[in-house]
Amino acid sequence: MTVSPMPAALVRSIAAVLLMVSAPIAQAILPIQHWTTTSGARVYFVSNADLPILDVSVEFPAGSAFDTVETSGLASMTNAMLRKGVAGLGEDVIAQQFADIGAQVRDSFDSDKAGIAVRTLSDRRRRDAALSLFARVLAEPGFPAEVLAREKVRAISSIRESDLKPDTVANRTFSRLVYGKHPYALRASGEVDTLSRLQRDDLVRFYQRHYAAPYAVVAIMGNVGREEAEAIAEQLTAGLPKTSAAAPQIPPVPALETGIERIIAHPATQSHILIGAPGVRRDDPDYFPLFVGNYILGGGGFVSRLIEEVRSKRGLAYSAYSYFAPQARKGPFIIGLQTRRDQATESLSVVRETLSRFLTDGPTEAELRAAKNNIIGGFPMRIDSNRKMHGYLGMVGFYRLPLTYLEDFVPNVDKVTVGDIRSAFGRRVDADRLVTVVVAADGKPAPAQPAP
């Protein structure tokens, strides 16, 4: 099914709040309603009666950060197996029944969370059929042993193939060095030995612990009213495991004690370079200064400093980028690029010098003004479809962000100053405590730049 665009009236209302960078924001963009079901699940709802579409997701604290070194891959496999069979229905039957009513189902999984989502036409017949089957998938997963055995073989084969690639080597090394023994260091898909040991009972126990009703976050967007949305949320969470235990928590991320470098031999013709450290939480008060500042540093594509210094001036790489990936705990701050292996040393030196100058001086007023214009001007494209809006709805719900998060986005970007960016980067990025990984390099690494 094609993702439908936002109604013209809604787009106009969004555009109205984006007149100028300095213009006040006087109205909410979209009203988000929130309540709790009788089973304890948190529900976030936006009604849009202009399109005959309904998007519903249910997510849980069940991401890869809830694995251990011994069970790496368990969380991912549990999530993947939800649609592989329920009582009396095999995976092929489930897939066919969803297809017959024109519904789309997709898994969602990352370090923090896992879940499943359905998109269906909102007419009563199709909607009821899709939600009835969706509720069974959520509440009655069978985790058939024969399907698990097959999926383990597939996953192990994929891991073995991936481990030969230089980007995988770089990413895996980077994660281990940045996060050490923290579960964020674990590979989401697991390892060959841990997947080999997984048994059906392991999935059942993980499901019972992590997919409980009080931990569920339900996001509903589309052509239903509040009363219907309440009934849908009750239907989808009533059959989930019950518990009075506290929700699983991810431990804090320890700071790096010192800078770390790893130069790894590989036959690839391109060097893969990653630099970074633990960054910020999703609810970090520095998020917007870091977001805007990083747009200038390396997140703004061809208008960023890294692209200017690495590509435009020196032709060392086609692309160089940076980003913060906020998570429940400190997600990574990453700078990355690929270059010819004989240019790795020079490229690394340029990146370090560029970052050092940025940490010392921050952006210029002209850079900040241009970044704000680009971010604010592009904001409507972030929410120009039901699916994008639904994604934000789930994020707001899972991380318990303010219900006005989208309404406040433009004002929060607009009020960032050069001083805010310099201060935020000074608190969150320490040039003396960064991990540097280079896979497939000739010669020795460039010396680290002194901290500003």
Protein backbone atom coordinates (compact mmCIF):
# COMPACT_ATOMS: atom_id res chain seq x y z
CA MET A 1 0.00 0.00 0.00
CA THR A 2 1.35 3.44 -0.89
CA VAL A 3 2.03 5.77 2.01
CA SER A 4 -0.49 8.56 1.65
CA PRO A 5 0.57 12.19 2.01
CA MET A 6 -0.70 14.39 4.79
CA PRO A 7 -3.95 16.22 3.97
CA ALA A 8 -3.41 19.58 2.31
CA ALA A 9 -5.13 21.40 5.18
CA LEU A 10 -2.79 19.81 7.68
CA VAL A 11 0.30 20.65 5.63
CA ARG A 12 -0.88 24.26 5.41
CA SER A 13 -1.33 24.40 9.18
CA ILE A 14 2.21 23.08 9.66
CA ALA A 15 3.66 25.54 7.17
CA ALA A 16 1.92 28.39 8.94
CA VAL A 17 4.12 27.96 11.99
CA LEU A 18 7.31 27.98 9.92
CA LEU A 19 7.14 31.52 8.57
CA MET A 20 10.53 32.81 9.71
CA VAL A 21 13.22 31.61 12.07
CA SER A 22 12.33 34.41 14.46
CA ALA A 23 8.56 34.04 14.17
CA PRO A 24 6.71 32.89 17.31
CA ILE A 25 5.05 29.50 17.28
CA ALA A 26 1.49 30.09 18.39
CA GLN A 27 -0.34 26.82 17.92
CA ALA A 28 0.01 23.11 18.29
CA ILE A 29 0.84 21.16 15.14
CA LEU A 30 -0.99 17.98 16.03
CA PRO A 31 -2.85 17.08 19.21
CA ILE A 32 -1.46 13.95 20.86
CA GLN A 33 -3.83 12.26 23.30
CA HIS A 34 -2.50 9.99 26.02
CA TRP A 35 -3.99 7.53 28.51
CA THR A 36 -3.34 4.19 30.23
CA THR A 37 -5.25 0.97 29.58
CA THR A 38 -6.74 -1.18 32.33
CA SER A 39 -3.76 -3.54 31.93
CA GLY A 40 -1.28 -0.68 32.48
CA ALA A 41 -0.16 -0.05 28.88
CA ARG A 42 0.53 3.55 27.88
CA VAL A 43 -1.36 4.75 24.80
CA TYR A 44 -0.56 7.67 22.47
CA PHE A 45 -3.16 8.64 19.89
CA VAL A 46 -3.57 11.09 17.03
CA SER A 47 -6.84 11.16 15.10
CA ASN A 48 -6.80 11.90 11.37
CA ALA A 49 -10.16 11.34 9.71
CA ASP A 50 -9.06 12.65 6.30
CA LEU A 51 -7.41 9.38 5.22
CA PRO A 52 -8.96 5.89 5.35
CA ILE A 53 -5.84 4.49 7.04
CA LEU A 54 -5.03 3.26 10.52
CA ASP A 55 -1.48 2.74 11.84
CA VAL A 56 -1.03 0.91 15.14
CA SER A 57 2.15 -0.21 16.88
CA VAL A 58 2.93 -1.84 20.21
CA GLU A 59 6.48 -1.62 21.55
CA PHE A 60 8.21 -2.96 24.64
CA PRO A 61 11.54 -2.59 26.52
CA ALA A 62 12.85 -5.64 24.70
CA GLY A 63 15.74 -4.49 22.54
CA SER A 64 19.22 -5.95 22.25
CA ALA A 65 20.41 -4.07 25.35
CA PHE A 66 18.40 -6.57 27.38
CA ASP A 67 20.56 -9.42 26.12
CA THR A 68 23.68 -10.59 27.91
CA VAL A 69 27.01 -11.73 26.52
CA GLU A 70 25.77 -15.31 26.89
CA THR A 71 22.36 -14.66 25.27
CA SER A 72 23.28 -12.17 22.54
CA GLY A 73 20.68 -12.38 19.77
CA LEU A 74 17.86 -13.62 22.02
CA ALA A 75 15.96 -10.31 21.97
CA SER A 76 16.18 -10.00 18.19
CA MET A 77 15.13 -13.59 17.60
CA THR A 78 12.18 -13.28 19.98
CA ASN A 79 10.92 -10.24 18.09
CA ALA A 80 11.44 -11.87 14.69
CA MET A 81 9.55 -14.99 15.79
CA LEU A 82 6.37 -13.19 16.90
CA ARG A 83 4.82 -13.59 13.44
CA LYS A 84 6.12 -17.12 12.85
CA GLY A 85 3.13 -18.90 14.32
CA VAL A 86 0.31 -18.69 16.86
CA ALA A 87 -1.95 -21.41 18.18
CA GLY A 88 -3.54 -23.07 15.15
CA LEU A 89 -1.96 -20.73 12.60
CA GLY A 90 1.39 -21.15 10.87
CA GLU A 91 3.49 -18.29 9.55
CA ASP A 92 2.28 -18.72 5.97
CA VAL A 93 -1.36 -18.58 7.04
CA ILE A 94 -0.73 -15.49 9.15
CA ALA A 95 1.00 -13.74 6.26
CA GLN A 96 -1.76 -14.71 3.83
CA GLN A 97 -4.55 -13.54 6.12
CA PHE A 98 -2.93 -10.14 6.54
CA ALA A 99 -2.42 -9.93 2.77
CA ASP A 100 -6.03 -10.90 2.05
CA ILE A 101 -7.31 -7.89 3.96
CA GLY A 102 -4.65 -5.57 2.54
CA ALA A 103 -2.87 -5.06 5.86
CA GLN A 104 0.87 -4.51 6.20
CA VAL A 105 2.75 -5.79 9.24
CA ARG A 106 6.33 -4.94 10.15
CA ASP A 107 8.66 -5.61 13.05
CA SER A 108 10.57 -2.88 14.86
CA PHE A 109 13.77 -3.53 16.76
CA ASP A 110 16.78 -1.66 18.11
CA SER A 111 18.95 -1.55 21.23
CA ASP A 112 16.23 -0.11 23.47
CA LYS A 113 12.95 -1.51 22.22
CA ALA A 114 11.16 -4.10 20.15
CA GLY A 115 7.65 -4.37 18.82
CA ILE A 116 5.38 -4.86 15.89
CA ALA A 117 3.14 -2.55 13.84
CA VAL A 118 0.19 -2.94 11.51
CA ARG A 119 -1.20 -0.65 8.82
CA THR A 120 -4.71 -1.28 7.59
CA LEU A 121 -7.56 0.45 5.83
CA SER A 122 -9.85 1.87 8.47
CA ASP A 123 -13.19 0.56 7.25
CA ARG A 124 -14.79 -1.59 9.92
CA ARG A 125 -14.50 -4.98 8.18
CA ARG A 126 -10.82 -4.76 7.27
CA ARG A 127 -9.82 -2.98 10.43
CA ASP A 128 -11.50 -5.49 12.75
CA ALA A 129 -10.01 -8.44 10.88
CA ALA A 130 -6.50 -6.94 10.90
CA LEU A 131 -6.61 -5.98 14.58
CA SER A 132 -8.02 -9.34 15.65
CA LEU A 133 -5.14 -11.18 13.99
CA PHE A 134 -2.66 -8.57 15.22
CA ALA A 135 -3.82 -9.10 18.81
CA ARG A 136 -3.26 -12.85 18.47
CA VAL A 137 0.24 -12.36 17.10
CA LEU A 138 1.07 -10.14 20.08
CA ALA A 139 -0.48 -12.30 22.78
CA GLU A 140 -0.19 -15.88 21.48
CA PRO A 141 3.21 -16.38 19.84
CA GLY A 142 3.94 -20.07 19.49
CA PHE A 143 7.69 -19.84 18.81
CA PRO A 144 7.58 -23.12 16.86
CA ALA A 145 10.82 -25.04 17.36
CA GLU A 146 11.20 -26.07 13.74
CA VAL A 147 10.88 -22.47 12.54
CA LEU A 148 13.34 -21.31 15.20
CA ALA A 149 15.87 -23.86 13.96
CA ARG A 150 15.51 -22.53 10.42
CA GLU A 151 15.79 -18.88 11.49
CA LYS A 152 18.92 -19.65 13.50
CA VAL A 153 20.58 -21.14 10.42
CA ARG A 154 19.66 -18.05 8.39
CA ALA A 155 20.91 -15.64 11.03
CA ILE A 156 24.19 -17.49 11.54
CA SER A 157 24.84 -17.59 7.80
CA SER A 158 24.19 -13.85 7.55
CA ILE A 159 26.55 -13.10 10.44
CA ARG A 160 29.35 -15.16 8.96
CA GLU A 161 29.02 -13.41 5.62
CA SER A 162 28.80 -9.98 7.24
CA ASP A 163 31.88 -10.53 9.37
CA LEU A 164 34.04 -10.62 6.25
CA LYS A 165 33.14 -7.03 5.35
CA PRO A 166 35.31 -4.11 6.47
CA ASP A 167 32.36 -1.98 7.56
CA THR A 168 31.17 -4.75 9.87
CA VAL A 169 34.65 -5.12 11.34
CA ALA A 170 34.80 -1.36 11.92
CA ASN A 171 31.34 -1.12 13.46
CA ARG A 172 31.77 -4.13 15.73
CA THR A 173 35.17 -2.95 16.96
CA PHE A 174 33.87 0.57 17.49
CA SER A 175 30.89 -0.63 19.56
CA ARG A 176 33.04 -2.83 21.76
CA LEU A 177 35.58 -0.08 22.43
CA VAL A 178 32.98 2.63 23.07
CA TYR A 179 30.72 0.54 25.31
CA GLY A 180 33.00 -2.11 26.78
CA LYS A 181 30.93 -4.46 28.95
CA HIS A 182 27.74 -2.40 28.61
CA PRO A 183 24.97 -4.19 26.65
CA TYR A 184 24.99 -1.47 23.99
CA ALA A 185 28.20 -3.15 22.82
CA LEU A 186 26.31 -6.32 21.89
CA ARG A 187 25.48 -7.04 18.27
CA ALA A 188 21.70 -6.90 17.80
CA SER A 189 21.62 -10.03 15.67
CA GLY A 190 23.75 -11.98 18.12
CA GLU A 191 26.87 -14.07 17.60
CA VAL A 192 27.33 -17.46 15.98
CA ASP A 193 27.92 -19.28 19.26
CA THR A 194 25.11 -17.58 21.20
CA LEU A 195 22.56 -18.14 18.45
CA SER A 196 23.60 -21.76 18.19
CA ARG A 197 22.67 -22.25 21.85
CA LEU A 198 19.24 -20.57 21.70
CA GLN A 199 16.29 -22.81 22.53
CA ARG A 200 12.56 -22.25 22.33
CA ASP A 201 12.27 -21.99 26.12
CA ASP A 202 14.71 -19.07 26.08
CA LEU A 203 12.37 -17.13 23.77
CA VAL A 204 9.34 -17.97 25.89
CA ARG A 205 11.03 -16.70 29.06
CA PHE A 206 12.24 -13.52 27.36
CA TYR A 207 8.75 -12.88 25.98
CA GLN A 208 7.10 -13.37 29.37
CA ARG A 209 9.54 -10.98 31.04
CA HIS A 210 9.72 -8.21 28.46
CA TYR A 211 6.44 -8.25 26.53
CA ALA A 212 4.21 -7.67 29.55
CA ALA A 213 1.18 -5.40 29.33
CA PRO A 214 2.35 -2.78 31.87
CA TYR A 215 5.48 -2.19 29.76
CA ALA A 216 3.66 -1.81 26.44
CA VAL A 217 3.55 1.48 24.55
CA VAL A 218 0.70 1.64 22.05
CA ALA A 219 0.78 4.26 19.28
CA ILE A 220 -2.41 4.74 17.25
CA MET A 221 -2.77 7.15 14.35
CA GLY A 222 -5.49 7.39 11.79
CA ASN A 223 -9.15 7.35 10.97
CA VAL A 224 -10.70 6.42 14.31
CA GLY A 225 -12.11 8.44 17.18
CA ARG A 226 -11.04 8.45 20.81
CA GLU A 227 -13.61 5.86 21.89
CA GLU A 228 -12.58 3.49 19.11
CA ALA A 229 -8.90 4.04 19.90
CA GLU A 230 -9.50 3.16 23.54
CA ALA A 231 -11.21 -0.07 22.51
CA ILE A 232 -8.34 -0.93 20.15
CA ALA A 233 -5.72 -0.38 22.85
CA GLU A 234 -7.65 -2.58 25.27
CA GLN A 235 -8.04 -5.30 22.64
CA LEU A 236 -4.33 -5.36 21.81
CA THR A 237 -3.04 -5.41 25.39
CA ALA A 238 -5.62 -7.49 27.26
CA GLY A 239 -3.98 -10.80 26.35
CA LEU A 240 -0.38 -9.79 27.03
CA PRO A 241 1.51 -11.27 29.99
CA LYS A 242 0.61 -9.71 33.33
CA THR A 243 3.20 -8.68 35.89
CA SER A 244 3.69 -6.50 38.94
CA ALA A 245 7.46 -6.46 38.52
CA ALA A 246 9.24 -3.22 37.67
CA ALA A 247 10.01 -2.70 34.00
CA PRO A 248 13.44 -3.91 32.85
CA GLN A 249 16.06 -1.17 32.88
CA ILE A 250 19.24 -0.59 30.88
CA PRO A 251 22.25 0.25 33.07
CA PRO A 252 23.97 3.64 32.77
CA VAL A 253 26.77 3.96 30.22
CA PRO A 254 30.17 4.59 31.80
CA ALA A 255 32.33 7.38 30.41
CA LEU A 256 35.48 6.53 28.51
CA GLU A 257 38.50 6.89 30.75
CA THR A 258 40.91 7.63 27.91
CA GLY A 259 41.18 7.79 24.15
CA ILE A 260 41.52 4.48 22.31
CA GLU A 261 42.84 3.69 18.81
CA ARG A 262 42.62 0.47 16.82
CA ILE A 263 44.18 0.05 13.39
CA ILE A 264 42.98 -3.21 11.84
CA ALA A 265 44.47 -4.89 8.79
CA HIS A 266 42.05 -5.83 6.01
CA PRO A 267 42.45 -6.41 2.26
CA ALA A 268 39.78 -3.83 1.35
CA THR A 269 40.89 -1.04 -0.99
CA GLN A 270 39.00 1.55 1.06
CA SER A 271 39.82 2.46 4.65
CA HIS A 272 36.80 2.62 6.95
CA ILE A 273 37.22 5.21 9.70
CA LEU A 274 35.01 5.70 12.77
CA ILE A 275 35.61 8.17 15.59
CA GLY A 276 33.33 8.69 18.57
CA ALA A 277 32.24 8.09 22.14
CA PRO A 278 29.10 7.70 24.23
CA GLY A 279 26.89 10.68 23.42
CA VAL A 280 23.46 11.56 24.81
CA ARG A 281 20.22 10.12 26.10
CA ARG A 282 16.99 10.71 24.22
CA ASP A 283 15.77 13.08 26.96
CA ASP A 284 19.07 14.95 27.31
CA PRO A 285 18.58 18.72 27.83
CA ASP A 286 21.50 19.34 25.46
CA TYR A 287 19.78 17.49 22.61
CA PHE A 288 18.77 20.50 20.50
CA PRO A 289 22.09 22.41 20.75
CA LEU A 290 23.83 19.16 19.82
CA PHE A 291 21.38 18.44 17.01
CA VAL A 292 21.78 21.88 15.46
CA GLY A 293 25.52 21.98 16.08
CA ASN A 294 26.04 18.57 14.55
CA TYR A 295 24.14 19.66 11.44
CA ILE A 296 26.91 22.21 10.98
CA LEU A 297 29.73 19.84 11.90
CA GLY A 298 28.80 16.79 9.84
CA GLY A 299 25.06 16.19 9.73
CA GLY A 300 24.11 18.67 7.03
CA GLY A 301 25.49 16.81 4.05
CA PHE A 302 27.24 19.07 1.53
CA VAL A 303 26.88 22.14 3.74
CA SER A 304 28.71 20.62 6.71
CA ARG A 305 32.27 21.41 7.78
CA LEU A 306 33.45 17.82 7.46
CA ILE A 307 32.34 17.64 3.84
CA GLU A 308 33.93 21.02 3.16
CA GLU A 309 37.29 20.04 4.66
CA VAL A 310 37.49 16.37 3.66
CA ARG A 311 35.82 16.36 0.24
CA SER A 312 35.51 19.84 -1.19
CA LYS A 313 38.96 21.15 -0.28
CA ARG A 314 41.02 17.98 -0.43
CA GLY A 315 39.08 15.30 -2.30
CA LEU A 316 39.89 12.69 0.32
CA ALA A 317 36.47 11.05 0.44
CA TYR A 318 33.11 11.20 -1.25
CA SER A 319 31.33 11.54 2.07
CA ALA A 320 32.16 12.37 5.68
CA TYR A 321 29.47 12.59 8.33
CA SER A 322 28.73 12.86 12.03
CA TYR A 323 25.68 12.24 14.16
CA PHE A 324 24.36 11.72 17.66
CA ALA A 325 22.14 8.66 18.13
CA PRO A 326 20.23 9.35 21.36
CA GLN A 327 18.90 6.29 23.16
CA ALA A 328 17.45 5.38 26.56
CA ARG A 329 21.03 5.62 27.83
CA LYS A 330 23.89 7.44 26.13
CA GLY A 331 23.76 6.50 22.47
CA PRO A 332 26.89 7.05 20.38
CA PHE A 333 28.36 10.18 18.90
CA ILE A 334 29.96 9.07 15.63
CA ILE A 335 32.12 10.61 12.92
CA GLY A 336 32.63 8.37 9.90
CA LEU A 337 34.11 8.26 6.42
CA GLN A 338 35.68 5.97 3.83
CA THR A 339 38.80 6.86 1.90
CA ARG A 340 41.61 5.28 -0.10
CA ARG A 341 43.79 3.30 2.26
CA ASP A 342 46.84 5.39 1.37
CA GLN A 343 44.88 8.52 2.36
CA ALA A 344 43.66 7.27 5.74
CA THR A 345 46.34 9.05 7.76
CA GLU A 346 45.72 12.40 6.08
CA SER A 347 41.95 12.01 6.30
CA LEU A 348 42.10 11.21 9.99
CA SER A 349 44.29 14.23 10.62
CA VAL A 350 41.87 16.53 8.80
CA VAL A 351 38.86 15.16 10.70
CA ARG A 352 40.59 15.59 14.04
CA GLU A 353 41.65 19.13 13.24
CA THR A 354 38.13 20.03 12.08
CA LEU A 355 36.56 18.62 15.22
CA SER A 356 39.12 20.34 17.45
CA ARG A 357 38.39 23.75 15.87
CA PHE A 358 34.66 23.17 16.24
CA LEU A 359 34.99 22.26 19.91
CA THR A 360 37.10 25.36 20.53
CA ASP A 361 35.16 27.97 18.60
CA GLY A 362 31.76 26.50 17.82
CA PRO A 363 29.99 27.54 14.61
CA THR A 364 29.87 31.01 13.14
CA GLU A 365 26.68 33.04 13.30
CA ALA A 366 26.32 32.62 9.54
CA GLU A 367 26.64 28.84 9.81
CA LEU A 368 24.06 28.77 12.60
CA ARG A 369 21.61 30.91 10.68
CA ALA A 370 21.92 28.71 7.58
CA ALA A 371 21.54 25.53 9.64
CA LYS A 372 18.40 26.80 11.33
CA ASN A 373 16.88 27.81 8.01
CA ASN A 374 17.57 24.39 6.53
CA ILE A 375 16.33 22.43 9.54
CA ILE A 376 13.19 24.50 10.02
CA GLY A 377 12.47 24.66 6.31
CA GLY A 378 12.74 20.88 6.09
CA PHE A 379 10.63 20.19 9.16
CA PRO A 380 7.34 19.60 7.29
CA MET A 381 9.05 16.77 5.38
CA ARG A 382 9.65 15.00 8.68
CA ILE A 383 5.90 14.67 9.27
CA ASP A 384 4.46 14.64 5.75
CA SER A 385 2.93 11.15 5.93
CA ASN A 386 0.90 9.13 8.40
CA ARG A 387 3.75 6.64 8.74
CA LYS A 388 6.30 9.32 9.66
CA MET A 389 3.89 10.87 12.15
CA HIS A 390 3.17 7.46 13.61
CA GLY A 391 6.90 6.89 14.05
CA TYR A 392 7.24 10.11 16.04
CA LEU A 393 4.19 9.17 18.08
CA GLY A 394 5.81 5.89 19.10
CA MET A 395 9.09 7.64 19.93
CA VAL A 396 7.36 10.24 22.09
CA GLY A 397 5.52 7.48 23.92
CA PHE A 398 8.39 5.07 24.46
CA TYR A 399 10.85 7.70 25.71
CA ARG A 400 8.17 9.62 27.65
CA LEU A 401 8.91 12.86 25.81
CA PRO A 402 6.55 15.83 26.15
CA LEU A 403 3.29 15.49 24.23
CA THR A 404 4.20 18.82 22.65
CA TYR A 405 7.51 17.48 21.27
CA LEU A 406 6.58 18.13 17.63
CA GLU A 407 4.93 21.44 18.41
CA ASP A 408 8.07 22.53 20.27
CA PHE A 409 10.55 21.24 17.68
CA VAL A 410 10.84 24.44 15.63
CA PRO A 411 10.99 26.79 18.66
CA ASN A 412 13.63 24.57 20.25
CA VAL A 413 15.75 24.74 17.11
CA ASP A 414 15.15 28.45 16.72
CA LYS A 415 16.36 29.39 20.19
CA VAL A 416 19.75 27.60 19.94
CA THR A 417 22.71 30.00 20.07
CA VAL A 418 26.39 29.68 19.18
CA GLY A 419 27.13 29.69 22.90
CA ASP A 420 24.64 26.89 23.51
CA ILE A 421 26.33 24.74 20.88
CA ARG A 422 29.82 25.41 22.15
CA SER A 423 28.78 24.64 25.74
CA ALA A 424 26.85 21.49 24.83
CA PHE A 425 29.68 20.07 22.73
CA GLY A 426 32.12 20.96 25.49
CA ARG A 427 30.08 18.91 27.94
CA ARG A 428 29.41 15.94 25.66
CA VAL A 429 32.47 15.54 23.42
CA ASP A 430 35.97 15.24 24.91
CA ALA A 431 38.69 15.21 22.23
CA ASP A 432 41.02 13.37 24.63
CA ARG A 433 38.52 10.54 25.19
CA LEU A 434 37.43 9.35 21.77
CA VAL A 435 37.55 5.92 20.19
CA THR A 436 39.19 5.79 16.76
CA VAL A 437 38.90 2.72 14.56
CA VAL A 438 40.57 2.41 11.15
CA VAL A 439 40.05 -0.75 9.13
CA ALA A 440 42.35 -1.28 6.14
CA ALA A 441 44.95 1.46 6.39
CA ASP A 442 48.47 1.90 5.03
CA GLY A 443 50.97 3.44 7.38
CA LYS A 444 50.50 4.72 10.92
CA PRO A 445 47.48 6.63 12.28
CA ALA A 446 47.52 10.38 12.54
CA PRO A 447 48.32 11.76 15.99
CA ALA A 448 45.33 12.85 18.04
CA GLN A 449 44.72 16.59 18.29
CA PRO A 450 45.16 18.07 21.76
CA ALA A 451 41.98 18.92 23.60
CA PRO A 452 40.93 22.57 23.22
